[in-house]
Amino acid sequence: MRVFGAVHAPGEVYCSKSDNLNDVIVRAGGFLPEADPRRVKVVTPNGRISANTEFDVFELMEAGRVSELPLMQPGDIVIVPTSKSWRSVSWWIDRLQDAAIFVSSLVLLSRI
């Protein structure tokens, strides 16, 4: 099976018959800080999106409702998205860094 998105080691992951969605994510290195564990998607081997397209892994684990996480099958694809708010904050930080470098360069050039 494959795990894509905001995990530490995306790609092929071994799963046994008793592994649930969280087990597979842990085998892929776990969630990255920018991951959105509230919108994890599972795609079945035949290409159709499963009936429960999104799973709130965070809520199910916090509430102790692990039995509600789907059991994974060989060939399943797990997609862990990034949090929209994280991307937004990260984007602004990158732009501020770019602006700081630009202004610093102008100041250095003006002193030459």
PDB file of N, CA and C in Angstrom:
ATOM      1  N   MET A   1       0.837  -1.179   0.000  1.00  0.00           N
ATOM      2  CA  MET A   1       0.000   0.000   0.000  1.00  0.00           C
ATOM      3  C   MET A   1       0.875   1.233   0.000  1.00  0.00           C
ATOM      4  N   ARG A   2       0.277   2.370  -0.337  1.00  0.00           N
ATOM      5  CA  ARG A   2       1.038   3.619  -0.435  1.00  0.00           C
ATOM      6  C   ARG A   2       0.428   4.700   0.454  1.00  0.00           C
ATOM      7  N   VAL A   3       1.319   5.520   0.981  1.00  0.00           N
ATOM      8  CA  VAL A   3       0.904   6.672   1.786  1.00  0.00           C
ATOM      9  C   VAL A   3       1.550   7.901   1.158  1.00  0.00           C
ATOM     10  N   PHE A   4       0.742   8.891   0.836  1.00  0.00           N
ATOM     11  CA  PHE A   4       1.218  10.132   0.221  1.00  0.00           C
ATOM     12  C   PHE A   4       0.857  11.314   1.092  1.00  0.00           C
ATOM     13  N   GLY A   5       1.593  12.386   0.932  1.00  0.00           N
ATOM     14  CA  GLY A   5       1.243  13.632   1.597  1.00  0.00           C
ATOM     15  C   GLY A   5       2.128  13.944   2.779  1.00  0.00           C
ATOM     16  N   ALA A   6       1.534  14.542   3.793  1.00  0.00           N
ATOM     17  CA  ALA A   6       2.260  15.116   4.920  1.00  0.00           C
ATOM     18  C   ALA A   6       2.600  14.082   5.993  1.00  0.00           C
ATOM     19  N   VAL A   7       3.449  13.097   5.605  1.00  0.00           N
ATOM     20  CA  VAL A   7       4.002  12.119   6.543  1.00  0.00           C
ATOM     21  C   VAL A   7       5.518  12.146   6.384  1.00  0.00           C
ATOM     22  N   HIS A   8       6.235  11.627   7.374  1.00  0.00           N
ATOM     23  CA  HIS A   8       7.697  11.689   7.354  1.00  0.00           C
ATOM     24  C   HIS A   8       8.332  10.824   6.266  1.00  0.00           C
ATOM     25  N   ALA A   9       7.729   9.682   5.955  1.00  0.00           N
ATOM     26  CA  ALA A   9       8.322   8.780   4.955  1.00  0.00           C
ATOM     27  C   ALA A   9       7.250   8.324   3.965  1.00  0.00           C
ATOM     28  N   PRO A  10       6.811   9.216   3.059  1.00  0.00           N
ATOM     29  CA  PRO A  10       5.775   8.827   2.104  1.00  0.00           C
ATOM     30  C   PRO A  10       6.287   7.763   1.140  1.00  0.00           C
ATOM     31  N   GLY A  11       5.351   6.972   0.627  1.00  0.00           N
ATOM     32  CA  GLY A  11       5.704   5.933  -0.333  1.00  0.00           C
ATOM     33  C   GLY A  11       5.098   4.602   0.042  1.00  0.00           C
ATOM     34  N   GLU A  12       5.759   3.522  -0.381  1.00  0.00           N
ATOM     35  CA  GLU A  12       5.286   2.165  -0.109  1.00  0.00           C
ATOM     36  C   GLU A  12       5.409   1.851   1.378  1.00  0.00           C
ATOM     37  N   VAL A  13       4.353   1.249   1.926  1.00  0.00           N
ATOM     38  CA  VAL A  13       4.329   0.862   3.336  1.00  0.00           C
ATOM     39  C   VAL A  13       3.766  -0.552   3.417  1.00  0.00           C
ATOM     40  N   TYR A  14       4.395  -1.390   4.226  1.00  0.00           N
ATOM     41  CA  TYR A  14       3.877  -2.740   4.451  1.00  0.00           C
ATOM     42  C   TYR A  14       2.702  -2.657   5.415  1.00  0.00           C
ATOM     43  N   CYS A  15       1.666  -3.434   5.157  1.00  0.00           N
ATOM     44  CA  CYS A  15       0.557  -3.497   6.110  1.00  0.00           C
ATOM     45  C   CYS A  15       0.106  -4.943   6.266  1.00  0.00           C
ATOM     46  N   SER A  16      -0.263  -5.276   7.474  1.00  0.00           N
ATOM     47  CA  SER A  16      -0.821  -6.601   7.731  1.00  0.00           C
ATOM     48  C   SER A  16      -2.343  -6.497   7.714  1.00  0.00           C
ATOM     49  N   LYS A  17      -3.012  -7.628   7.783  1.00  0.00           N
ATOM     50  CA  LYS A  17      -4.475  -7.635   7.695  1.00  0.00           C
ATOM     51  C   LYS A  17      -5.149  -6.929   8.859  1.00  0.00           C
ATOM     52  N   SER A  18      -4.452  -6.813   9.971  1.00  0.00           N
ATOM     53  CA  SER A  18      -5.066  -6.193  11.149  1.00  0.00           C
ATOM     54  C   SER A  18      -4.723  -4.716  11.308  1.00  0.00           C
ATOM     55  N   ASP A  19      -3.980  -4.137  10.368  1.00  0.00           N
ATOM     56  CA  ASP A  19      -3.590  -2.730  10.471  1.00  0.00           C
ATOM     57  C   ASP A  19      -4.747  -1.802  10.115  1.00  0.00           C
ATOM     58  N   ASN A  20      -4.926  -0.796  10.962  1.00  0.00           N
ATOM     59  CA  ASN A  20      -5.930   0.222  10.645  1.00  0.00           C
ATOM     60  C   ASN A  20      -5.227   1.439  10.048  1.00  0.00           C
ATOM     61  N   LEU A  21      -5.997   2.451   9.756  1.00  0.00           N
ATOM     62  CA  LEU A  21      -5.474   3.656   9.101  1.00  0.00           C
ATOM     63  C   LEU A  21      -4.352   4.299   9.899  1.00  0.00           C
ATOM     64  N   ASN A  22      -4.504   4.405  11.216  1.00  0.00           N
ATOM     65  CA  ASN A  22      -3.465   5.021  12.042  1.00  0.00           C
ATOM     66  C   ASN A  22      -2.186   4.193  12.036  1.00  0.00           C
ATOM     67  N   ASP A  23      -2.305   2.860  12.078  1.00  0.00           N
ATOM     68  CA  ASP A  23      -1.123   1.993  12.045  1.00  0.00           C
ATOM     69  C   ASP A  23      -0.295   2.251  10.790  1.00  0.00           C
ATOM     70  N   VAL A  24      -0.976   2.399   9.666  1.00  0.00           N
ATOM     71  CA  VAL A  24      -0.287   2.627   8.392  1.00  0.00           C
ATOM     72  C   VAL A  24       0.402   3.992   8.397  1.00  0.00           C
ATOM     73  N   ILE A  25      -0.250   4.996   8.949  1.00  0.00           N
ATOM     74  CA  ILE A  25       0.350   6.339   9.021  1.00  0.00           C
ATOM     75  C   ILE A  25       1.585   6.305   9.925  1.00  0.00           C
ATOM     76  N   VAL A  26       1.513   5.559  11.026  1.00  0.00           N
ATOM     77  CA  VAL A  26       2.668   5.419  11.919  1.00  0.00           C
ATOM     78  C   VAL A  26       3.805   4.721  11.181  1.00  0.00           C
ATOM     79  N   ARG A  27       3.502   3.703  10.381  1.00  0.00           N
ATOM     80  CA  ARG A  27       4.543   3.013   9.603  1.00  0.00           C
ATOM     81  C   ARG A  27       5.174   3.938   8.559  1.00  0.00           C
ATOM     82  N   ALA A  28       4.450   4.946   8.146  1.00  0.00           N
ATOM     83  CA  ALA A  28       4.988   5.924   7.187  1.00  0.00           C
ATOM     84  C   ALA A  28       5.704   7.059   7.914  1.00  0.00           C
ATOM     85  N   GLY A  29       6.010   6.868   9.178  1.00  0.00           N
ATOM     86  CA  GLY A  29       6.768   7.856   9.940  1.00  0.00           C
ATOM     87  C   GLY A  29       5.930   8.810  10.754  1.00  0.00           C
ATOM     88  N   GLY A  30       4.614   8.732  10.639  1.00  0.00           N
ATOM     89  CA  GLY A  30       3.746   9.623  11.395  1.00  0.00           C
ATOM     90  C   GLY A  30       3.494  10.939  10.670  1.00  0.00           C
ATOM     91  N   PHE A  31       2.584  11.710  11.237  1.00  0.00           N
ATOM     92  CA  PHE A  31       2.203  12.991  10.653  1.00  0.00           C
ATOM     93  C   PHE A  31       3.328  14.013  10.759  1.00  0.00           C
ATOM     94  N   LEU A  32       3.500  14.821   9.712  1.00  0.00           N
ATOM     95  CA  LEU A  32       4.359  15.991   9.775  1.00  0.00           C
ATOM     96  C   LEU A  32       3.630  17.081  10.555  1.00  0.00           C
ATOM     97  N   PRO A  33       4.348  18.089  11.069  1.00  0.00           N
ATOM     98  CA  PRO A  33       3.673  19.162  11.814  1.00  0.00           C
ATOM     99  C   PRO A  33       2.599  19.877  10.993  1.00  0.00           C
ATOM    100  N   GLU A  34       2.783  19.970   9.682  1.00  0.00           N
ATOM    101  CA  GLU A  34       1.811  20.676   8.855  1.00  0.00           C
ATOM    102  C   GLU A  34       0.668  19.792   8.361  1.00  0.00           C
ATOM    103  N   ALA A  35       0.651  18.529   8.781  1.00  0.00           N
ATOM    104  CA  ALA A  35      -0.400  17.600   8.354  1.00  0.00           C
ATOM    105  C   ALA A  35      -1.755  17.991   8.947  1.00  0.00           C
ATOM    106  N   ASP A  36      -2.798  17.625   8.232  1.00  0.00           N
ATOM    107  CA  ASP A  36      -4.154  17.837   8.726  1.00  0.00           C
ATOM    108  C   ASP A  36      -4.775  16.461   8.999  1.00  0.00           C
ATOM    109  N   PRO A  37      -4.625  15.938  10.229  1.00  0.00           N
ATOM    110  CA  PRO A  37      -5.142  14.607  10.538  1.00  0.00           C
ATOM    111  C   PRO A  37      -6.665  14.538  10.595  1.00  0.00           C
ATOM    112  N   ARG A  38      -7.322  15.642  10.359  1.00  0.00           N
ATOM    113  CA  ARG A  38      -8.787  15.659  10.375  1.00  0.00           C
ATOM    114  C   ARG A  38      -9.385  15.394   8.990  1.00  0.00           C
ATOM    115  N   ARG A  39      -8.533  15.309   7.938  1.00  0.00           N
ATOM    116  CA  ARG A  39      -9.047  15.133   6.575  1.00  0.00           C
ATOM    117  C   ARG A  39      -8.266  14.058   5.796  1.00  0.00           C
ATOM    118  N   VAL A  40      -7.956  12.928   6.428  1.00  0.00           N
ATOM    119  CA  VAL A  40      -7.186  11.871   5.778  1.00  0.00           C
ATOM    120  C   VAL A  40      -8.106  11.084   4.842  1.00  0.00           C
ATOM    121  N   LYS A  41      -7.651  10.862   3.618  1.00  0.00           N
ATOM    122  CA  LYS A  41      -8.456  10.159   2.609  1.00  0.00           C
ATOM    123  C   LYS A  41      -7.879   8.772   2.341  1.00  0.00           C
ATOM    124  N   VAL A  42      -8.785   7.833   2.031  1.00  0.00           N
ATOM    125  CA  VAL A  42      -8.391   6.481   1.647  1.00  0.00           C
ATOM    126  C   VAL A  42      -9.003   6.194   0.287  1.00  0.00           C
ATOM    127  N   VAL A  43      -8.171   5.731  -0.647  1.00  0.00           N
ATOM    128  CA  VAL A  43      -8.629   5.365  -1.989  1.00  0.00           C
ATOM    129  C   VAL A  43      -8.447   3.860  -2.121  1.00  0.00           C
ATOM    130  N   THR A  44      -9.488   3.182  -2.592  1.00  0.00           N
ATOM    131  CA  THR A  44      -9.462   1.723  -2.715  1.00  0.00           C
ATOM    132  C   THR A  44      -8.697   1.295  -3.963  1.00  0.00           C
ATOM    133  N   PRO A  45      -8.285   0.018  -4.046  1.00  0.00           N
ATOM    134  CA  PRO A  45      -7.460  -0.442  -5.166  1.00  0.00           C
ATOM    135  C   PRO A  45      -8.086  -0.269  -6.545  1.00  0.00           C
ATOM    136  N   ASN A  46      -9.398  -0.322  -6.637  1.00  0.00           N
ATOM    137  CA  ASN A  46     -10.012  -0.224  -7.956  1.00  0.00           C
ATOM    138  C   ASN A  46     -10.210   1.218  -8.412  1.00  0.00           C
ATOM    139  N   GLY A  47      -9.649   2.167  -7.673  1.00  0.00           N
ATOM    140  CA  GLY A  47      -9.684   3.556  -8.103  1.00  0.00           C
ATOM    141  C   GLY A  47     -10.848   4.359  -7.565  1.00  0.00           C
ATOM    142  N   ARG A  48     -11.864   3.701  -7.063  1.00  0.00           N
ATOM    143  CA  ARG A  48     -12.980   4.453  -6.486  1.00  0.00           C
ATOM    144  C   ARG A  48     -12.591   4.958  -5.113  1.00  0.00           C
ATOM    145  N   ILE A  49     -13.082   6.111  -4.757  1.00  0.00           N
ATOM    146  CA  ILE A  49     -12.838   6.606  -3.403  1.00  0.00           C
ATOM    147  C   ILE A  49     -13.794   5.858  -2.485  1.00  0.00           C
ATOM    148  N   SER A  50     -13.282   5.438  -1.320  1.00  0.00           N
ATOM    149  CA  SER A  50     -14.101   4.653  -0.406  1.00  0.00           C
ATOM    150  C   SER A  50     -15.328   5.451   0.035  1.00  0.00           C
ATOM    151  N   ALA A  51     -16.320   4.741   0.590  1.00  0.00           N
ATOM    152  CA  ALA A  51     -17.566   5.382   1.003  1.00  0.00           C
ATOM    153  C   ALA A  51     -17.302   6.512   1.997  1.00  0.00           C
ATOM    154  N   ASN A  52     -16.388   6.297   2.928  1.00  0.00           N
ATOM    155  CA  ASN A  52     -15.999   7.346   3.873  1.00  0.00           C
ATOM    156  C   ASN A  52     -14.723   7.983   3.350  1.00  0.00           C
ATOM    157  N   THR A  53     -14.854   8.936   2.482  1.00  0.00           N
ATOM    158  CA  THR A  53     -13.682   9.485   1.809  1.00  0.00           C
ATOM    159  C   THR A  53     -12.709  10.149   2.771  1.00  0.00           C
ATOM    160  N   GLU A  54     -13.196  10.835   3.780  1.00  0.00           N
ATOM    161  CA  GLU A  54     -12.319  11.499   4.724  1.00  0.00           C
ATOM    162  C   GLU A  54     -12.518  10.916   6.114  1.00  0.00           C
ATOM    163  N   PHE A  55     -11.409  10.775   6.804  1.00  0.00           N
ATOM    164  CA  PHE A  55     -11.446  10.284   8.173  1.00  0.00           C
ATOM    165  C   PHE A  55     -10.755  11.301   9.066  1.00  0.00           C
ATOM    166  N   ASP A  56     -11.368  11.572  10.212  1.00  0.00           N
ATOM    167  CA  ASP A  56     -10.779  12.458  11.198  1.00  0.00           C
ATOM    168  C   ASP A  56      -9.984  11.587  12.169  1.00  0.00           C
ATOM    169  N   VAL A  57      -8.763  11.277  11.788  1.00  0.00           N
ATOM    170  CA  VAL A  57      -7.921  10.387  12.583  1.00  0.00           C
ATOM    171  C   VAL A  57      -7.673  10.985  13.957  1.00  0.00           C
ATOM    172  N   PHE A  58      -7.453  12.296  14.005  1.00  0.00           N
ATOM    173  CA  PHE A  58      -7.192  12.976  15.275  1.00  0.00           C
ATOM    174  C   PHE A  58      -8.345  12.763  16.255  1.00  0.00           C
ATOM    175  N   GLU A  59      -9.548  13.043  15.804  1.00  0.00           N
ATOM    176  CA  GLU A  59     -10.715  12.922  16.688  1.00  0.00           C
ATOM    177  C   GLU A  59     -10.934  11.485  17.137  1.00  0.00           C
ATOM    178  N   LEU A  60     -10.839  10.540  16.200  1.00  0.00           N
ATOM    179  CA  LEU A  60     -11.075   9.143  16.543  1.00  0.00           C
ATOM    180  C   LEU A  60     -10.040   8.625  17.538  1.00  0.00           C
ATOM    181  N   MET A  61      -8.790   9.016  17.381  1.00  0.00           N
ATOM    182  CA  MET A  61      -7.748   8.582  18.306  1.00  0.00           C
ATOM    183  C   MET A  61      -7.916   9.257  19.664  1.00  0.00           C
ATOM    184  N   GLU A  62      -8.215  10.553  19.675  1.00  0.00           N
ATOM    185  CA  GLU A  62      -8.402  11.282  20.935  1.00  0.00           C
ATOM    186  C   GLU A  62      -9.579  10.735  21.737  1.00  0.00           C
ATOM    187  N   ALA A  63     -10.642  10.348  21.029  1.00  0.00           N
ATOM    188  CA  ALA A  63     -11.841   9.845  21.704  1.00  0.00           C
ATOM    189  C   ALA A  63     -11.735   8.360  22.032  1.00  0.00           C
ATOM    190  N   GLY A  64     -10.637   7.724  21.640  1.00  0.00           N
ATOM    191  CA  GLY A  64     -10.473   6.300  21.918  1.00  0.00           C
ATOM    192  C   GLY A  64     -11.358   5.416  21.047  1.00  0.00           C
ATOM    193  N   ARG A  65     -11.770   5.941  19.899  1.00  0.00           N
ATOM    194  CA  ARG A  65     -12.655   5.184  19.006  1.00  0.00           C
ATOM    195  C   ARG A  65     -11.840   4.577  17.860  1.00  0.00           C
ATOM    196  N   VAL A  66     -10.771   3.889  18.217  1.00  0.00           N
ATOM    197  CA  VAL A  66      -9.852   3.308  17.244  1.00  0.00           C
ATOM    198  C   VAL A  66     -10.572   2.283  16.364  1.00  0.00           C
ATOM    199  N   SER A  67     -11.564   1.623  16.913  1.00  0.00           N
ATOM    200  CA  SER A  67     -12.288   0.591  16.142  1.00  0.00           C
ATOM    201  C   SER A  67     -13.025   1.188  14.941  1.00  0.00           C
ATOM    202  N   GLU A  68     -13.242   2.512  14.933  1.00  0.00           N
ATOM    203  CA  GLU A  68     -13.932   3.155  13.820  1.00  0.00           C
ATOM    204  C   GLU A  68     -12.996   3.511  12.662  1.00  0.00           C
ATOM    205  N   LEU A  69     -11.679   3.360  12.882  1.00  0.00           N
ATOM    206  CA  LEU A  69     -10.728   3.588  11.792  1.00  0.00           C
ATOM    207  C   LEU A  69     -10.791   2.395  10.841  1.00  0.00           C
ATOM    208  N   PRO A  70     -10.745   2.641   9.540  1.00  0.00           N
ATOM    209  CA  PRO A  70     -10.864   1.531   8.585  1.00  0.00           C
ATOM    210  C   PRO A  70      -9.641   0.617   8.617  1.00  0.00           C
ATOM    211  N   LEU A  71      -9.882  -0.685   8.428  1.00  0.00           N
ATOM    212  CA  LEU A  71      -8.785  -1.620   8.266  1.00  0.00           C
ATOM    213  C   LEU A  71      -8.253  -1.458   6.853  1.00  0.00           C
ATOM    214  N   MET A  72      -6.953  -1.486   6.725  1.00  0.00           N
ATOM    215  CA  MET A  72      -6.325  -1.242   5.435  1.00  0.00           C
ATOM    216  C   MET A  72      -6.072  -2.552   4.704  1.00  0.00           C
ATOM    217  N   GLN A  73      -6.136  -2.493   3.389  1.00  0.00           N
ATOM    218  CA  GLN A  73      -5.914  -3.650   2.533  1.00  0.00           C
ATOM    219  C   GLN A  73      -4.736  -3.349   1.614  1.00  0.00           C
ATOM    220  N   PRO A  74      -4.004  -4.404   1.194  1.00  0.00           N
ATOM    221  CA  PRO A  74      -2.933  -4.168   0.228  1.00  0.00           C
ATOM    222  C   PRO A  74      -3.487  -3.460  -1.010  1.00  0.00           C
ATOM    223  N   GLY A  75      -2.779  -2.474  -1.482  1.00  0.00           N
ATOM    224  CA  GLY A  75      -3.211  -1.718  -2.650  1.00  0.00           C
ATOM    225  C   GLY A  75      -3.948  -0.437  -2.315  1.00  0.00           C
ATOM    226  N   ASP A  76      -4.390  -0.275  -1.079  1.00  0.00           N
ATOM    227  CA  ASP A  76      -5.047   0.974  -0.685  1.00  0.00           C
ATOM    228  C   ASP A  76      -4.061   2.132  -0.773  1.00  0.00           C
ATOM    229  N   ILE A  77      -4.588   3.316  -0.993  1.00  0.00           N
ATOM    230  CA  ILE A  77      -3.774   4.532  -1.031  1.00  0.00           C
ATOM    231  C   ILE A  77      -4.308   5.486   0.031  1.00  0.00           C
ATOM    232  N   VAL A  78      -3.407   5.977   0.865  1.00  0.00           N
ATOM    233  CA  VAL A  78      -3.757   6.927   1.924  1.00  0.00           C
ATOM    234  C   VAL A  78      -3.172   8.281   1.541  1.00  0.00           C
ATOM    235  N   ILE A  79      -3.996   9.318   1.641  1.00  0.00           N
ATOM    236  CA  ILE A  79      -3.561  10.673   1.316  1.00  0.00           C
ATOM    237  C   ILE A  79      -3.736  11.541   2.559  1.00  0.00           C
ATOM    238  N   VAL A  80      -2.607  12.070   3.047  1.00  0.00           N
ATOM    239  CA  VAL A  80      -2.617  12.930   4.226  1.00  0.00           C
ATOM    240  C   VAL A  80      -2.387  14.367   3.759  1.00  0.00           C
ATOM    241  N   PRO A  81      -3.430  15.197   3.790  1.00  0.00           N
ATOM    242  CA  PRO A  81      -3.278  16.582   3.299  1.00  0.00           C
ATOM    243  C   PRO A  81      -2.585  17.468   4.323  1.00  0.00           C
ATOM    244  N   THR A  82      -2.162  18.631   3.859  1.00  0.00           N
ATOM    245  CA  THR A  82      -1.617  19.627   4.774  1.00  0.00           C
ATOM    246  C   THR A  82      -2.740  20.537   5.230  1.00  0.00           C
ATOM    247  N   SER A  83      -2.543  21.127   6.366  1.00  0.00           N
ATOM    248  CA  SER A  83      -3.528  22.047   6.918  1.00  0.00           C
ATOM    249  C   SER A  83      -3.514  23.336   6.121  1.00  0.00           C
ATOM    250  N   LYS A  84      -4.657  23.828   5.735  1.00  0.00           N
ATOM    251  CA  LYS A  84      -4.737  25.070   4.963  1.00  0.00           C
ATOM    252  C   LYS A  84      -4.192  26.247   5.760  1.00  0.00           C
ATOM    253  N   SER A  85      -4.476  26.276   7.049  1.00  0.00           N
ATOM    254  CA  SER A  85      -3.988  27.398   7.844  1.00  0.00           C
ATOM    255  C   SER A  85      -2.472  27.352   7.965  1.00  0.00           C
ATOM    256  N   TRP A  86      -1.896  26.156   8.032  1.00  0.00           N
ATOM    257  CA  TRP A  86      -0.436  26.033   8.096  1.00  0.00           C
ATOM    258  C   TRP A  86       0.184  26.562   6.810  1.00  0.00           C
ATOM    259  N   ARG A  87      -0.384  26.156   5.657  1.00  0.00           N
ATOM    260  CA  ARG A  87       0.163  26.628   4.385  1.00  0.00           C
ATOM    261  C   ARG A  87       0.100  28.140   4.310  1.00  0.00           C
ATOM    262  N   SER A  88      -0.953  28.685   4.766  1.00  0.00           N
ATOM    263  CA  SER A  88      -1.127  30.120   4.708  1.00  0.00           C
ATOM    264  C   SER A  88      -0.079  30.834   5.572  1.00  0.00           C
ATOM    265  N   VAL A  89       0.134  30.393   6.784  1.00  0.00           N
ATOM    266  CA  VAL A  89       1.122  30.986   7.678  1.00  0.00           C
ATOM    267  C   VAL A  89       2.521  30.790   7.095  1.00  0.00           C
ATOM    268  N   SER A  90       2.787  29.585   6.632  1.00  0.00           N
ATOM    269  CA  SER A  90       4.092  29.286   6.048  1.00  0.00           C
ATOM    270  C   SER A  90       4.356  30.164   4.831  1.00  0.00           C
ATOM    271  N   TRP A  91       3.355  30.359   3.996  1.00  0.00           N
ATOM    272  CA  TRP A  91       3.514  31.191   2.806  1.00  0.00           C
ATOM    273  C   TRP A  91       3.886  32.614   3.195  1.00  0.00           C
ATOM    274  N   TRP A  92       3.196  33.160   4.200  1.00  0.00           N
ATOM    275  CA  TRP A  92       3.473  34.528   4.624  1.00  0.00           C
ATOM    276  C   TRP A  92       4.865  34.652   5.240  1.00  0.00           C
ATOM    277  N   ILE A  93       5.288  33.663   5.992  1.00  0.00           N
ATOM    278  CA  ILE A  93       6.635  33.697   6.570  1.00  0.00           C
ATOM    279  C   ILE A  93       7.679  33.703   5.458  1.00  0.00           C
ATOM    280  N   ASP A  94       7.468  32.854   4.452  1.00  0.00           N
ATOM    281  CA  ASP A  94       8.394  32.830   3.307  1.00  0.00           C
ATOM    282  C   ASP A  94       8.455  34.187   2.613  1.00  0.00           C
ATOM    283  N   ARG A  95       7.302  34.815   2.417  1.00  0.00           N
ATOM    284  CA  ARG A  95       7.278  36.122   1.760  1.00  0.00           C
ATOM    285  C   ARG A  95       7.979  37.170   2.609  1.00  0.00           C
ATOM    286  N   LEU A  96       7.798  37.132   3.930  1.00  0.00           N
ATOM    287  CA  LEU A  96       8.467  38.094   4.812  1.00  0.00           C
ATOM    288  C   LEU A  96       9.982  37.905   4.772  1.00  0.00           C
ATOM    289  N   GLN A  97      10.427  36.642   4.724  1.00  0.00           N
ATOM    290  CA  GLN A  97      11.867  36.384   4.615  1.00  0.00           C
ATOM    291  C   GLN A  97      12.413  36.928   3.297  1.00  0.00           C
ATOM    292  N   ASP A  98      11.667  36.694   2.205  1.00  0.00           N
ATOM    293  CA  ASP A  98      12.089  37.227   0.906  1.00  0.00           C
ATOM    294  C   ASP A  98      12.188  38.749   0.944  1.00  0.00           C
ATOM    295  N   ALA A  99      11.209  39.397   1.550  1.00  0.00           N
ATOM    296  CA  ALA A  99      11.206  40.854   1.639  1.00  0.00           C
ATOM    297  C   ALA A  99      12.377  41.343   2.487  1.00  0.00           C
ATOM    298  N   ALA A 100      12.684  40.653   3.578  1.00  0.00           N
ATOM    299  CA  ALA A 100      13.802  41.051   4.440  1.00  0.00           C
ATOM    300  C   ALA A 100      15.124  40.939   3.694  1.00  0.00           C
ATOM    301  N   ILE A 101      15.292  39.883   2.917  1.00  0.00           N
ATOM    302  CA  ILE A 101      16.517  39.720   2.125  1.00  0.00           C
ATOM    303  C   ILE A 101      16.629  40.833   1.087  1.00  0.00           C
ATOM    304  N   PHE A 102      15.506  41.142   0.432  1.00  0.00           N
ATOM    305  CA  PHE A 102      15.491  42.185  -0.581  1.00  0.00           C
ATOM    306  C   PHE A 102      15.868  43.536   0.032  1.00  0.00           C
ATOM    307  N   VAL A 103      15.253  43.888   1.144  1.00  0.00           N
ATOM    308  CA  VAL A 103      15.532  45.170   1.790  1.00  0.00           C
ATOM    309  C   VAL A 103      16.975  45.218   2.273  1.00  0.00           C
ATOM    310  N   SER A 104      17.464  44.120   2.839  1.00  0.00           N
ATOM    311  CA  SER A 104      18.861  44.075   3.291  1.00  0.00           C
ATOM    312  C   SER A 104      19.812  44.277   2.120  1.00  0.00           C
ATOM    313  N   SER A 105      19.499  43.661   0.995  1.00  0.00           N
ATOM    314  CA  SER A 105      20.346  43.825  -0.200  1.00  0.00           C
ATOM    315  C   SER A 105      20.351  45.278  -0.657  1.00  0.00           C
ATOM    316  N   LEU A 106      19.195  45.928  -0.662  1.00  0.00           N
ATOM    317  CA  LEU A 106      19.123  47.335  -1.055  1.00  0.00           C
ATOM    318  C   LEU A 106      19.943  48.211  -0.129  1.00  0.00           C
ATOM    319  N   VAL A 107      19.863  47.945   1.168  1.00  0.00           N
ATOM    320  CA  VAL A 107      20.625  48.742   2.129  1.00  0.00           C
ATOM    321  C   VAL A 107      22.118  48.548   1.909  1.00  0.00           C
ATOM    322  N   LEU A 108      22.547  47.308   1.699  1.00  0.00           N
ATOM    323  CA  LEU A 108      23.976  47.057   1.457  1.00  0.00           C
ATOM    324  C   LEU A 108      24.441  47.701   0.162  1.00  0.00           C
ATOM    325  N   LEU A 109      23.637  47.631  -0.880  1.00  0.00           N
ATOM    326  CA  LEU A 109      24.012  48.234  -2.159  1.00  0.00           C
ATOM    327  C   LEU A 109      24.074  49.766  -2.070  1.00  0.00           C
ATOM    328  N   SER A 110      23.212  50.353  -1.266  1.00  0.00           N
ATOM    329  CA  SER A 110      23.200  51.809  -1.154  1.00  0.00           C
ATOM    330  C   SER A 110      24.429  52.326  -0.419  1.00  0.00           C
ATOM    331  N   ARG A 111      25.094  51.479   0.353  1.00  0.00           N
ATOM    332  CA  ARG A 111      26.283  51.893   1.106  1.00  0.00           C
ATOM    333  C   ARG A 111      27.562  51.728   0.292  1.00  0.00           C
ATOM    334  N   ILE A 112      27.458  51.117  -0.873  1.00  0.00           N
ATOM    335  CA  ILE A 112      28.660  50.907  -1.704  1.00  0.00           C
ATOM    336  C   ILE A 112      28.952  52.141  -2.518  1.00  0.00           C
TER     337      ILE A 112
END
